[in-house]
């Protein structure tokens, strides 16, 4: 949320989405390293990225359908 304070209102959603995706990649790599000891196993990182992105897209679409989209 700190990032949202430093961008224009019209750019908040794309910037937050991009930042969240990048953080999902980093956290997936950290989880792979911590849980299985191998940072080069991209499957676990990709799974974290895929399901995180899918949940954000689904939530955004439901918000648009119900008329409550945006920040």
C-alpha atoms as a PDB file:
ATOM      1  CA  UNK A   1       0.000   0.000   0.000  1.00  0.00           C
ATOM      2  CA  UNK A   2       2.962   2.290   0.445  1.00  0.00           C
ATOM      3  CA  UNK A   3       3.503   2.184  -3.320  1.00  0.00           C
ATOM      4  CA  UNK A   4      -0.005   3.535  -3.908  1.00  0.00           C
ATOM      5  CA  UNK A   5       0.936   6.697  -2.038  1.00  0.00           C
ATOM      6  CA  UNK A   6       3.618   7.561  -4.595  1.00  0.00           C
ATOM      7  CA  UNK A   7       1.763   7.104  -7.907  1.00  0.00           C
ATOM      8  CA  UNK A   8      -0.978   9.053  -9.639  1.00  0.00           C
ATOM      9  CA  UNK A   9      -4.547   7.954  -8.985  1.00  0.00           C
ATOM     10  CA  UNK A  10      -5.025   6.807 -12.581  1.00  0.00           C
ATOM     11  CA  UNK A  11      -1.994   4.498 -12.313  1.00  0.00           C
ATOM     12  CA  UNK A  12      -2.696   2.893  -8.937  1.00  0.00           C
ATOM     13  CA  UNK A  13      -4.250  -0.362 -10.151  1.00  0.00           C
ATOM     14  CA  UNK A  14      -1.642  -1.225 -12.808  1.00  0.00           C
ATOM     15  CA  UNK A  15       1.236  -0.350 -10.485  1.00  0.00           C
ATOM     16  CA  UNK A  16      -0.196  -2.364  -7.592  1.00  0.00           C
ATOM     17  CA  UNK A  17      -0.918  -5.326  -9.867  1.00  0.00           C
ATOM     18  CA  UNK A  18       2.629  -5.275 -11.279  1.00  0.00           C
ATOM     19  CA  UNK A  19       4.224  -4.867  -7.863  1.00  0.00           C
ATOM     20  CA  UNK A  20       2.154  -7.693  -6.430  1.00  0.00           C
ATOM     21  CA  UNK A  21       3.145 -10.007  -9.296  1.00  0.00           C
ATOM     22  CA  UNK A  22       6.827  -9.215  -8.738  1.00  0.00           C
ATOM     23  CA  UNK A  23       6.476  -9.859  -5.014  1.00  0.00           C
ATOM     24  CA  UNK A  24       4.710 -13.172  -5.733  1.00  0.00           C
ATOM     25  CA  UNK A  25       7.685 -14.258  -7.838  1.00  0.00           C
ATOM     26  CA  UNK A  26      10.114 -13.300  -5.077  1.00  0.00           C
ATOM     27  CA  UNK A  27       8.065 -14.987  -2.360  1.00  0.00           C
ATOM     28  CA  UNK A  28       7.666 -18.115  -4.499  1.00  0.00           C
ATOM     29  CA  UNK A  29      11.437 -18.336  -4.883  1.00  0.00           C
ATOM     30  CA  UNK A  30      11.948 -17.800  -1.153  1.00  0.00           C
ATOM     31  CA  UNK A  31       9.372 -20.494  -0.358  1.00  0.00           C
ATOM     32  CA  UNK A  32      11.041 -22.916  -2.782  1.00  0.00           C
ATOM     33  CA  UNK A  33      14.416 -22.246  -1.172  1.00  0.00           C
ATOM     34  CA  UNK A  34      13.091 -22.518   2.375  1.00  0.00           C
ATOM     35  CA  UNK A  35      10.846 -25.530   1.853  1.00  0.00           C
ATOM     36  CA  UNK A  36      12.819 -27.648  -0.574  1.00  0.00           C
ATOM     37  CA  UNK A  37      16.285 -26.090  -0.490  1.00  0.00           C
ATOM     38  CA  UNK A  38      16.424 -25.443  -4.220  1.00  0.00           C
ATOM     39  CA  UNK A  39      15.959 -21.944  -5.594  1.00  0.00           C
ATOM     40  CA  UNK A  40      16.314 -23.247  -9.168  1.00  0.00           C
ATOM     41  CA  UNK A  41      13.043 -25.192  -9.045  1.00  0.00           C
ATOM     42  CA  UNK A  42      10.941 -22.809 -11.110  1.00  0.00           C
ATOM     43  CA  UNK A  43       7.812 -24.978 -10.970  1.00  0.00           C
ATOM     44  CA  UNK A  44       7.004 -24.036  -7.407  1.00  0.00           C
ATOM     45  CA  UNK A  45       7.621 -20.350  -8.064  1.00  0.00           C
ATOM     46  CA  UNK A  46       5.472 -20.445 -11.183  1.00  0.00           C
ATOM     47  CA  UNK A  47       2.672 -22.166  -9.312  1.00  0.00           C
ATOM     48  CA  UNK A  48       2.685 -19.400  -6.707  1.00  0.00           C
ATOM     49  CA  UNK A  49       2.705 -16.775  -9.455  1.00  0.00           C
ATOM     50  CA  UNK A  50      -0.077 -18.454 -11.448  1.00  0.00           C
ATOM     51  CA  UNK A  51      -2.527 -18.926  -8.579  1.00  0.00           C
ATOM     52  CA  UNK A  52      -1.815 -15.481  -7.131  1.00  0.00           C
ATOM     53  CA  UNK A  53      -2.380 -13.790 -10.495  1.00  0.00           C
ATOM     54  CA  UNK A  54      -5.509 -15.857 -11.116  1.00  0.00           C
ATOM     55  CA  UNK A  55      -6.964 -14.836  -7.758  1.00  0.00           C
ATOM     56  CA  UNK A  56      -6.245 -11.147  -8.417  1.00  0.00           C
ATOM     57  CA  UNK A  57      -7.786 -11.306 -11.895  1.00  0.00           C
ATOM     58  CA  UNK A  58     -10.851 -13.133 -10.586  1.00  0.00           C
ATOM     59  CA  UNK A  59     -11.327 -10.640  -7.768  1.00  0.00           C
ATOM     60  CA  UNK A  60     -10.970  -7.715 -10.198  1.00  0.00           C
ATOM     61  CA  UNK A  61     -13.504  -9.189 -12.620  1.00  0.00           C
ATOM     62  CA  UNK A  62     -16.019  -9.813  -9.838  1.00  0.00           C
ATOM     63  CA  UNK A  63     -15.532  -6.222  -8.681  1.00  0.00           C
ATOM     64  CA  UNK A  64     -16.223  -4.914 -12.182  1.00  0.00           C
ATOM     65  CA  UNK A  65     -19.313  -7.102 -12.503  1.00  0.00           C
ATOM     66  CA  UNK A  66     -20.693  -5.855  -9.189  1.00  0.00           C
ATOM     67  CA  UNK A  67     -19.752  -2.233  -9.881  1.00  0.00           C
ATOM     68  CA  UNK A  68     -17.221  -1.906  -7.075  1.00  0.00           C
ATOM     69  CA  UNK A  69     -13.982  -1.813  -9.058  1.00  0.00           C
ATOM     70  CA  UNK A  70     -11.076   0.506  -8.468  1.00  0.00           C
ATOM     71  CA  UNK A  71      -9.312   2.059  -5.559  1.00  0.00           C
END
